[in-house]
Amino acid sequence: MPVIALYGPINPRYFGPWPPNPTLAVPYVSHALVQRVGKVTLLQGSPPCVPCDRAGCEDRNDSASVCLLTMAPARVVAEVDRALGRAPLG
């Protein structure tokens, strides 16, 4: 089953989805726009502060996370299309 995981302030090295190859000690790096391990695709925001490991930009659960708010929906849809083997629209 393909997995598309969206990550903002949290470090995927510690809380990333488990890839199908559990022999990898650390399957992800702290920050990259796209990381793929097997059928898992991990997308992260582009601000240089990613990952900050805070609860939102103001370090509160109810504060916004710019890294997620600026992640373009078209980018996510393109990764879903890629994972499903569909040609991109347009």
PDB file of N, CA and C in Angstrom:
ATOM      1  N   MET A   1       0.855  -1.166   0.000  1.00  0.00           N
ATOM      2  CA  MET A   1       0.000   0.000   0.000  1.00  0.00           C
ATOM      3  C   MET A   1       0.907   1.237   0.000  1.00  0.00           C
ATOM      4  N   PRO A   2       0.782   2.117  -0.985  1.00  0.00           N
ATOM      5  CA  PRO A   2       1.572   3.352  -0.979  1.00  0.00           C
ATOM      6  C   PRO A   2       1.165   4.253   0.188  1.00  0.00           C
ATOM      7  N   VAL A   3       2.147   4.927   0.763  1.00  0.00           N
ATOM      8  CA  VAL A   3       1.911   5.876   1.855  1.00  0.00           C
ATOM      9  C   VAL A   3       2.524   7.209   1.459  1.00  0.00           C
ATOM     10  N   ILE A   4       1.740   8.285   1.566  1.00  0.00           N
ATOM     11  CA  ILE A   4       2.244   9.642   1.377  1.00  0.00           C
ATOM     12  C   ILE A   4       2.118  10.313   2.741  1.00  0.00           C
ATOM     13  N   ALA A   5       3.231  10.644   3.348  1.00  0.00           N
ATOM     14  CA  ALA A   5       3.247  11.242   4.686  1.00  0.00           C
ATOM     15  C   ALA A   5       3.691  12.692   4.585  1.00  0.00           C
ATOM     16  N   LEU A   6       2.926  13.591   5.187  1.00  0.00           N
ATOM     17  CA  LEU A   6       3.253  15.021   5.190  1.00  0.00           C
ATOM     18  C   LEU A   6       3.848  15.376   6.535  1.00  0.00           C
ATOM     19  N   TYR A   7       5.030  15.982   6.487  1.00  0.00           N
ATOM     20  CA  TYR A   7       5.726  16.343   7.722  1.00  0.00           C
ATOM     21  C   TYR A   7       6.038  17.817   7.737  1.00  0.00           C
ATOM     22  N   GLY A   8       5.812  18.422   8.876  1.00  0.00           N
ATOM     23  CA  GLY A   8       6.119  19.827   9.080  1.00  0.00           C
ATOM     24  C   GLY A   8       7.200  19.979  10.124  1.00  0.00           C
ATOM     25  N   PRO A   9       6.825  20.344  11.347  1.00  0.00           N
ATOM     26  CA  PRO A   9       7.820  20.637  12.371  1.00  0.00           C
ATOM     27  C   PRO A   9       8.468  19.411  13.022  1.00  0.00           C
ATOM     28  N   ILE A  10       7.919  18.234  12.818  1.00  0.00           N
ATOM     29  CA  ILE A  10       8.432  17.044  13.504  1.00  0.00           C
ATOM     30  C   ILE A  10       9.497  16.349  12.660  1.00  0.00           C
ATOM     31  N   ASN A  11      10.538  15.878  13.316  1.00  0.00           N
ATOM     32  CA  ASN A  11      11.654  15.222  12.650  1.00  0.00           C
ATOM     33  C   ASN A  11      11.253  13.808  12.226  1.00  0.00           C
ATOM     34  N   PRO A  12      11.273  13.500  10.925  1.00  0.00           N
ATOM     35  CA  PRO A  12      10.879  12.166  10.481  1.00  0.00           C
ATOM     36  C   PRO A  12      11.861  11.067  10.882  1.00  0.00           C
ATOM     37  N   ARG A  13      13.066  11.437  11.281  1.00  0.00           N
ATOM     38  CA  ARG A  13      14.023  10.416  11.742  1.00  0.00           C
ATOM     39  C   ARG A  13      13.502   9.726  12.992  1.00  0.00           C
ATOM     40  N   TYR A  14      12.695  10.420  13.777  1.00  0.00           N
ATOM     41  CA  TYR A  14      12.186   9.845  15.019  1.00  0.00           C
ATOM     42  C   TYR A  14      10.749   9.367  14.903  1.00  0.00           C
ATOM     43  N   PHE A  15       9.956  10.027  14.063  1.00  0.00           N
ATOM     44  CA  PHE A  15       8.523   9.729  13.996  1.00  0.00           C
ATOM     45  C   PHE A  15       8.032   9.469  12.585  1.00  0.00           C
ATOM     46  N   GLY A  16       8.920   9.080  11.676  1.00  0.00           N
ATOM     47  CA  GLY A  16       8.511   8.791  10.303  1.00  0.00           C
ATOM     48  C   GLY A  16       7.791   7.456  10.208  1.00  0.00           C
ATOM     49  N   PRO A  17       6.996   7.272   9.148  1.00  0.00           N
ATOM     50  CA  PRO A  17       6.319   5.989   8.978  1.00  0.00           C
ATOM     51  C   PRO A  17       7.326   4.868   8.758  1.00  0.00           C
ATOM     52  N   TRP A  18       7.011   3.700   9.226  1.00  0.00           N
ATOM     53  CA  TRP A  18       7.918   2.563   9.095  1.00  0.00           C
ATOM     54  C   TRP A  18       7.982   2.147   7.639  1.00  0.00           C
ATOM     55  N   PRO A  19       9.162   2.065   7.078  1.00  0.00           N
ATOM     56  CA  PRO A  19       9.291   1.574   5.701  1.00  0.00           C
ATOM     57  C   PRO A  19       9.194   0.046   5.677  1.00  0.00           C
ATOM     58  N   PRO A  20       9.042  -0.519   4.489  1.00  0.00           N
ATOM     59  CA  PRO A  20       8.915  -1.976   4.410  1.00  0.00           C
ATOM     60  C   PRO A  20      10.207  -2.721   4.739  1.00  0.00           C
ATOM     61  N   ASN A  21      11.335  -2.029   4.828  1.00  0.00           N
ATOM     62  CA  ASN A  21      12.608  -2.672   5.135  1.00  0.00           C
ATOM     63  C   ASN A  21      13.039  -2.265   6.545  1.00  0.00           C
ATOM     64  N   PRO A  22      12.658  -3.020   7.564  1.00  0.00           N
ATOM     65  CA  PRO A  22      12.969  -2.641   8.944  1.00  0.00           C
ATOM     66  C   PRO A  22      14.447  -2.768   9.301  1.00  0.00           C
ATOM     67  N   THR A  23      15.284  -3.246   8.370  1.00  0.00           N
ATOM     68  CA  THR A  23      16.707  -3.371   8.673  1.00  0.00           C
ATOM     69  C   THR A  23      17.430  -2.032   8.572  1.00  0.00           C
ATOM     70  N   LEU A  24      16.765  -1.019   8.024  1.00  0.00           N
ATOM     71  CA  LEU A  24      17.385   0.304   7.960  1.00  0.00           C
ATOM     72  C   LEU A  24      17.340   0.933   9.345  1.00  0.00           C
ATOM     73  N   ALA A  25      18.487   1.248   9.899  1.00  0.00           N
ATOM     74  CA  ALA A  25      18.529   1.836  11.247  1.00  0.00           C
ATOM     75  C   ALA A  25      17.850   3.202  11.262  1.00  0.00           C
ATOM     76  N   VAL A  26      18.162   4.039  10.292  1.00  0.00           N
ATOM     77  CA  VAL A  26      17.567   5.373  10.188  1.00  0.00           C
ATOM     78  C   VAL A  26      17.165   5.575   8.728  1.00  0.00           C
ATOM     79  N   PRO A  27      15.893   5.323   8.393  1.00  0.00           N
ATOM     80  CA  PRO A  27      15.499   5.376   6.989  1.00  0.00           C
ATOM     81  C   PRO A  27      15.343   6.781   6.416  1.00  0.00           C
ATOM     82  N   TYR A  28      15.291   7.800   7.266  1.00  0.00           N
ATOM     83  CA  TYR A  28      15.058   9.159   6.783  1.00  0.00           C
ATOM     84  C   TYR A  28      16.142  10.108   7.289  1.00  0.00           C
ATOM     85  N   VAL A  29      16.343  11.200   6.551  1.00  0.00           N
ATOM     86  CA  VAL A  29      17.195  12.282   7.022  1.00  0.00           C
ATOM     87  C   VAL A  29      16.281  13.327   7.667  1.00  0.00           C
ATOM     88  N   SER A  30      16.860  14.255   8.392  1.00  0.00           N
ATOM     89  CA  SER A  30      16.054  15.253   9.104  1.00  0.00           C
ATOM     90  C   SER A  30      15.256  16.143   8.178  1.00  0.00           C
ATOM     91  N   HIS A  31      15.857  16.562   7.051  1.00  0.00           N
ATOM     92  CA  HIS A  31      15.146  17.483   6.173  1.00  0.00           C
ATOM     93  C   HIS A  31      15.499  17.243   4.713  1.00  0.00           C
ATOM     94  N   ALA A  32      14.478  16.982   3.943  1.00  0.00           N
ATOM     95  CA  ALA A  32      14.565  16.888   2.486  1.00  0.00           C
ATOM     96  C   ALA A  32      13.151  17.108   1.970  1.00  0.00           C
ATOM     97  N   LEU A  33      13.014  17.765   0.851  1.00  0.00           N
ATOM     98  CA  LEU A  33      11.668  18.025   0.344  1.00  0.00           C
ATOM     99  C   LEU A  33      10.902  16.737   0.079  1.00  0.00           C
ATOM    100  N   VAL A  34      11.591  15.722  -0.471  1.00  0.00           N
ATOM    101  CA  VAL A  34      10.969  14.430  -0.755  1.00  0.00           C
ATOM    102  C   VAL A  34      11.947  13.333  -0.350  1.00  0.00           C
ATOM    103  N   GLN A  35      11.433  12.335   0.349  1.00  0.00           N
ATOM    104  CA  GLN A  35      12.218  11.145   0.667  1.00  0.00           C
ATOM    105  C   GLN A  35      11.357   9.937   0.337  1.00  0.00           C
ATOM    106  N   ARG A  36      11.981   8.934  -0.282  1.00  0.00           N
ATOM    107  CA  ARG A  36      11.242   7.721  -0.631  1.00  0.00           C
ATOM    108  C   ARG A  36      11.988   6.493  -0.109  1.00  0.00           C
ATOM    109  N   VAL A  37      11.251   5.627   0.551  1.00  0.00           N
ATOM    110  CA  VAL A  37      11.772   4.344   1.002  1.00  0.00           C
ATOM    111  C   VAL A  37      10.691   3.322   0.676  1.00  0.00           C
ATOM    112  N   GLY A  38      10.960   2.481  -0.303  1.00  0.00           N
ATOM    113  CA  GLY A  38       9.937   1.528  -0.740  1.00  0.00           C
ATOM    114  C   GLY A  38       8.719   2.270  -1.240  1.00  0.00           C
ATOM    115  N   LYS A  39       7.554   1.914  -0.711  1.00  0.00           N
ATOM    116  CA  LYS A  39       6.308   2.569  -1.128  1.00  0.00           C
ATOM    117  C   LYS A  39       5.937   3.743  -0.236  1.00  0.00           C
ATOM    118  N   VAL A  40       6.837   4.144   0.642  1.00  0.00           N
ATOM    119  CA  VAL A  40       6.598   5.280   1.516  1.00  0.00           C
ATOM    120  C   VAL A  40       7.244   6.521   0.903  1.00  0.00           C
ATOM    121  N   THR A  41       6.446   7.577   0.728  1.00  0.00           N
ATOM    122  CA  THR A  41       6.945   8.873   0.274  1.00  0.00           C
ATOM    123  C   THR A  41       6.692   9.864   1.391  1.00  0.00           C
ATOM    124  N   LEU A  42       7.729  10.528   1.812  1.00  0.00           N
ATOM    125  CA  LEU A  42       7.640  11.491   2.889  1.00  0.00           C
ATOM    126  C   LEU A  42       7.897  12.882   2.310  1.00  0.00           C
ATOM    127  N   LEU A  43       6.960  13.807   2.484  1.00  0.00           N
ATOM    128  CA  LEU A  43       7.093  15.175   2.009  1.00  0.00           C
ATOM    129  C   LEU A  43       7.277  16.101   3.203  1.00  0.00           C
ATOM    130  N   GLN A  44       8.202  17.044   3.066  1.00  0.00           N
ATOM    131  CA  GLN A  44       8.411  18.036   4.121  1.00  0.00           C
ATOM    132  C   GLN A  44       8.294  19.433   3.543  1.00  0.00           C
ATOM    133  N   GLY A  45       8.014  20.378   4.422  1.00  0.00           N
ATOM    134  CA  GLY A  45       7.949  21.779   4.021  1.00  0.00           C
ATOM    135  C   GLY A  45       9.328  22.307   3.686  1.00  0.00           C
ATOM    136  N   SER A  46       9.357  23.466   3.039  1.00  0.00           N
ATOM    137  CA  SER A  46      10.627  24.012   2.556  1.00  0.00           C
ATOM    138  C   SER A  46      11.310  25.047   3.457  1.00  0.00           C
ATOM    139  N   PRO A  47      10.652  25.631   4.474  1.00  0.00           N
ATOM    140  CA  PRO A  47      11.360  26.619   5.277  1.00  0.00           C
ATOM    141  C   PRO A  47      12.644  26.051   5.902  1.00  0.00           C
ATOM    142  N   PRO A  48      13.663  26.893   6.062  1.00  0.00           N
ATOM    143  CA  PRO A  48      14.936  26.413   6.602  1.00  0.00           C
ATOM    144  C   PRO A  48      14.857  25.941   8.061  1.00  0.00           C
ATOM    145  N   CYS A  49      13.795  26.279   8.767  1.00  0.00           N
ATOM    146  CA  CYS A  49      13.654  25.875  10.165  1.00  0.00           C
ATOM    147  C   CYS A  49      13.164  24.428  10.322  1.00  0.00           C
ATOM    148  N   VAL A  50      12.793  23.787   9.232  1.00  0.00           N
ATOM    149  CA  VAL A  50      12.262  22.413   9.274  1.00  0.00           C
ATOM    150  C   VAL A  50      13.392  21.427   9.496  1.00  0.00           C
ATOM    151  N   PRO A  51      13.292  20.474  10.385  1.00  0.00           N
ATOM    152  CA  PRO A  51      12.280  20.337  11.418  1.00  0.00           C
ATOM    153  C   PRO A  51      12.690  21.094  12.682  1.00  0.00           C
ATOM    154  N   CYS A  52      11.767  21.790  13.265  1.00  0.00           N
ATOM    155  CA  CYS A  52      12.074  22.548  14.480  1.00  0.00           C
ATOM    156  C   CYS A  52      11.703  21.763  15.742  1.00  0.00           C
ATOM    157  N   ASP A  53      10.910  20.701  15.566  1.00  0.00           N
ATOM    158  CA  ASP A  53      10.436  19.872  16.685  1.00  0.00           C
ATOM    159  C   ASP A  53       9.643  20.663  17.715  1.00  0.00           C
ATOM    160  N   ARG A  54       8.956  21.699  17.228  1.00  0.00           N
ATOM    161  CA  ARG A  54       8.106  22.497  18.113  1.00  0.00           C
ATOM    162  C   ARG A  54       6.642  22.208  17.821  1.00  0.00           C
ATOM    163  N   ALA A  55       5.777  22.591  18.704  1.00  0.00           N
ATOM    164  CA  ALA A  55       4.331  22.431  18.522  1.00  0.00           C
ATOM    165  C   ALA A  55       3.801  23.652  17.775  1.00  0.00           C
ATOM    166  N   GLY A  56       4.111  23.767  16.507  1.00  0.00           N
ATOM    167  CA  GLY A  56       3.730  24.943  15.727  1.00  0.00           C
ATOM    168  C   GLY A  56       4.777  26.032  15.858  1.00  0.00           C
ATOM    169  N   CYS A  57       4.639  27.054  15.031  1.00  0.00           N
ATOM    170  CA  CYS A  57       5.646  28.120  14.980  1.00  0.00           C
ATOM    171  C   CYS A  57       5.786  28.893  16.289  1.00  0.00           C
ATOM    172  N   GLU A  58       4.712  28.939  17.061  1.00  0.00           N
ATOM    173  CA  GLU A  58       4.757  29.636  18.349  1.00  0.00           C
ATOM    174  C   GLU A  58       4.921  28.649  19.509  1.00  0.00           C
ATOM    175  N   ASP A  59       5.269  27.414  19.179  1.00  0.00           N
ATOM    176  CA  ASP A  59       5.467  26.343  20.154  1.00  0.00           C
ATOM    177  C   ASP A  59       4.245  26.111  21.030  1.00  0.00           C
ATOM    178  N   ARG A  60       3.072  26.193  20.388  1.00  0.00           N
ATOM    179  CA  ARG A  60       1.805  25.868  21.033  1.00  0.00           C
ATOM    180  C   ARG A  60       1.028  24.969  20.090  1.00  0.00           C
ATOM    181  N   ASN A  61       0.287  24.019  20.609  1.00  0.00           N
ATOM    182  CA  ASN A  61      -0.478  23.111  19.758  1.00  0.00           C
ATOM    183  C   ASN A  61      -1.479  23.833  18.862  1.00  0.00           C
ATOM    184  N   ASP A  62      -1.967  24.985  19.293  1.00  0.00           N
ATOM    185  CA  ASP A  62      -2.951  25.714  18.489  1.00  0.00           C
ATOM    186  C   ASP A  62      -2.313  26.764  17.569  1.00  0.00           C
ATOM    187  N   SER A  63      -0.989  26.801  17.478  1.00  0.00           N
ATOM    188  CA  SER A  63      -0.340  27.773  16.586  1.00  0.00           C
ATOM    189  C   SER A  63      -0.113  27.159  15.209  1.00  0.00           C
ATOM    190  N   ALA A  64      -0.051  28.003  14.214  1.00  0.00           N
ATOM    191  CA  ALA A  64       0.137  27.565  12.830  1.00  0.00           C
ATOM    192  C   ALA A  64       1.551  27.020  12.625  1.00  0.00           C
ATOM    193  N   SER A  65       1.684  26.173  11.628  1.00  0.00           N
ATOM    194  CA  SER A  65       2.993  25.661  11.205  1.00  0.00           C
ATOM    195  C   SER A  65       3.187  26.110   9.762  1.00  0.00           C
ATOM    196  N   VAL A  66       4.023  27.117   9.564  1.00  0.00           N
ATOM    197  CA  VAL A  66       4.245  27.670   8.228  1.00  0.00           C
ATOM    198  C   VAL A  66       4.727  26.592   7.269  1.00  0.00           C
ATOM    199  N   CYS A  67       5.514  25.660   7.774  1.00  0.00           N
ATOM    200  CA  CYS A  67       6.040  24.593   6.910  1.00  0.00           C
ATOM    201  C   CYS A  67       4.925  23.742   6.308  1.00  0.00           C
ATOM    202  N   LEU A  68       3.812  23.585   7.000  1.00  0.00           N
ATOM    203  CA  LEU A  68       2.682  22.846   6.449  1.00  0.00           C
ATOM    204  C   LEU A  68       1.764  23.746   5.631  1.00  0.00           C
ATOM    205  N   LEU A  69       1.571  24.963   6.101  1.00  0.00           N
ATOM    206  CA  LEU A  69       0.693  25.893   5.396  1.00  0.00           C
ATOM    207  C   LEU A  69       1.219  26.272   4.017  1.00  0.00           C
ATOM    208  N   THR A  70       2.531  26.231   3.846  1.00  0.00           N
ATOM    209  CA  THR A  70       3.113  26.606   2.559  1.00  0.00           C
ATOM    210  C   THR A  70       3.367  25.408   1.640  1.00  0.00           C
ATOM    211  N   MET A  71       2.997  24.203   2.086  1.00  0.00           N
ATOM    212  CA  MET A  71       3.151  23.034   1.243  1.00  0.00           C
ATOM    213  C   MET A  71       2.029  23.053   0.198  1.00  0.00           C
ATOM    214  N   ALA A  72       2.395  23.183  -1.044  1.00  0.00           N
ATOM    215  CA  ALA A  72       1.410  23.326  -2.116  1.00  0.00           C
ATOM    216  C   ALA A  72       0.581  22.057  -2.289  1.00  0.00           C
ATOM    217  N   PRO A  73      -0.747  22.189  -2.318  1.00  0.00           N
ATOM    218  CA  PRO A  73      -1.591  21.018  -2.555  1.00  0.00           C
ATOM    219  C   PRO A  73      -1.243  20.301  -3.867  1.00  0.00           C
ATOM    220  N   ALA A  74      -0.863  21.048  -4.886  1.00  0.00           N
ATOM    221  CA  ALA A  74      -0.501  20.427  -6.168  1.00  0.00           C
ATOM    222  C   ALA A  74       0.701  19.498  -6.007  1.00  0.00           C
ATOM    223  N   ARG A  75       1.605  19.846  -5.121  1.00  0.00           N
ATOM    224  CA  ARG A  75       2.775  19.000  -4.861  1.00  0.00           C
ATOM    225  C   ARG A  75       2.347  17.667  -4.246  1.00  0.00           C
ATOM    226  N   VAL A  76       1.412  17.731  -3.324  1.00  0.00           N
ATOM    227  CA  VAL A  76       0.910  16.523  -2.667  1.00  0.00           C
ATOM    228  C   VAL A  76       0.152  15.660  -3.677  1.00  0.00           C
ATOM    229  N   VAL A  77      -0.721  16.284  -4.469  1.00  0.00           N
ATOM    230  CA  VAL A  77      -1.494  15.550  -5.472  1.00  0.00           C
ATOM    231  C   VAL A  77      -0.563  14.886  -6.484  1.00  0.00           C
ATOM    232  N   ALA A  78       0.499  15.583  -6.888  1.00  0.00           N
ATOM    233  CA  ALA A  78       1.462  15.011  -7.836  1.00  0.00           C
ATOM    234  C   ALA A  78       2.125  13.759  -7.261  1.00  0.00           C
ATOM    235  N   GLU A  79       2.431  13.774  -5.972  1.00  0.00           N
ATOM    236  CA  GLU A  79       3.031  12.588  -5.345  1.00  0.00           C
ATOM    237  C   GLU A  79       2.032  11.437  -5.242  1.00  0.00           C
ATOM    238  N   VAL A  80       0.771  11.760  -4.984  1.00  0.00           N
ATOM    239  CA  VAL A  80      -0.264  10.723  -4.948  1.00  0.00           C
ATOM    240  C   VAL A  80      -0.399  10.100  -6.333  1.00  0.00           C
ATOM    241  N   ASP A  81      -0.454  10.950  -7.365  1.00  0.00           N
ATOM    242  CA  ASP A  81      -0.531  10.438  -8.739  1.00  0.00           C
ATOM    243  C   ASP A  81       0.664   9.548  -9.066  1.00  0.00           C
ATOM    244  N   ARG A  82       1.857   9.966  -8.658  1.00  0.00           N
ATOM    245  CA  ARG A  82       3.066   9.180  -8.915  1.00  0.00           C
ATOM    246  C   ARG A  82       2.972   7.824  -8.216  1.00  0.00           C
ATOM    247  N   ALA A  83       2.543   7.839  -6.947  1.00  0.00           N
ATOM    248  CA  ALA A  83       2.469   6.598  -6.173  1.00  0.00           C
ATOM    249  C   ALA A  83       1.430   5.636  -6.760  1.00  0.00           C
ATOM    250  N   LEU A  84       0.387   6.177  -7.346  1.00  0.00           N
ATOM    251  CA  LEU A  84      -0.667   5.334  -7.915  1.00  0.00           C
ATOM    252  C   LEU A  84      -0.408   4.995  -9.383  1.00  0.00           C
ATOM    253  N   GLY A  85       0.689   5.540  -9.930  1.00  0.00           N
ATOM    254  CA  GLY A  85       1.027   5.249 -11.322  1.00  0.00           C
ATOM    255  C   GLY A  85       0.161   5.971 -12.322  1.00  0.00           C
ATOM    256  N   ARG A  86      -0.433   7.076 -11.898  1.00  0.00           N
ATOM    257  CA  ARG A  86      -1.293   7.849 -12.797  1.00  0.00           C
ATOM    258  C   ARG A  86      -0.502   8.979 -13.427  1.00  0.00           C
ATOM    259  N   ALA A  87      -0.855   9.327 -14.651  1.00  0.00           N
ATOM    260  CA  ALA A  87      -0.244  10.470 -15.318  1.00  0.00           C
ATOM    261  C   ALA A  87      -0.755  11.743 -14.661  1.00  0.00           C
ATOM    262  N   PRO A  88       0.132  12.736 -14.452  1.00  0.00           N
ATOM    263  CA  PRO A  88      -0.319  13.996 -13.854  1.00  0.00           C
ATOM    264  C   PRO A  88      -1.310  14.714 -14.755  1.00  0.00           C
ATOM    265  N   LEU A  89      -2.258  15.403 -14.128  1.00  0.00           N
ATOM    266  CA  LEU A  89      -3.247  16.180 -14.884  1.00  0.00           C
ATOM    267  C   LEU A  89      -2.596  17.429 -15.446  1.00  0.00           C
ATOM    268  N   GLY A  90      -3.114  17.877 -16.583  1.00  0.00           N
ATOM    269  CA  GLY A  90      -2.654  19.142 -17.151  1.00  0.00           C
ATOM    270  C   GLY A  90      -1.426  18.971 -17.924  1.00  0.00           C
TER     271      GLY A  90
END
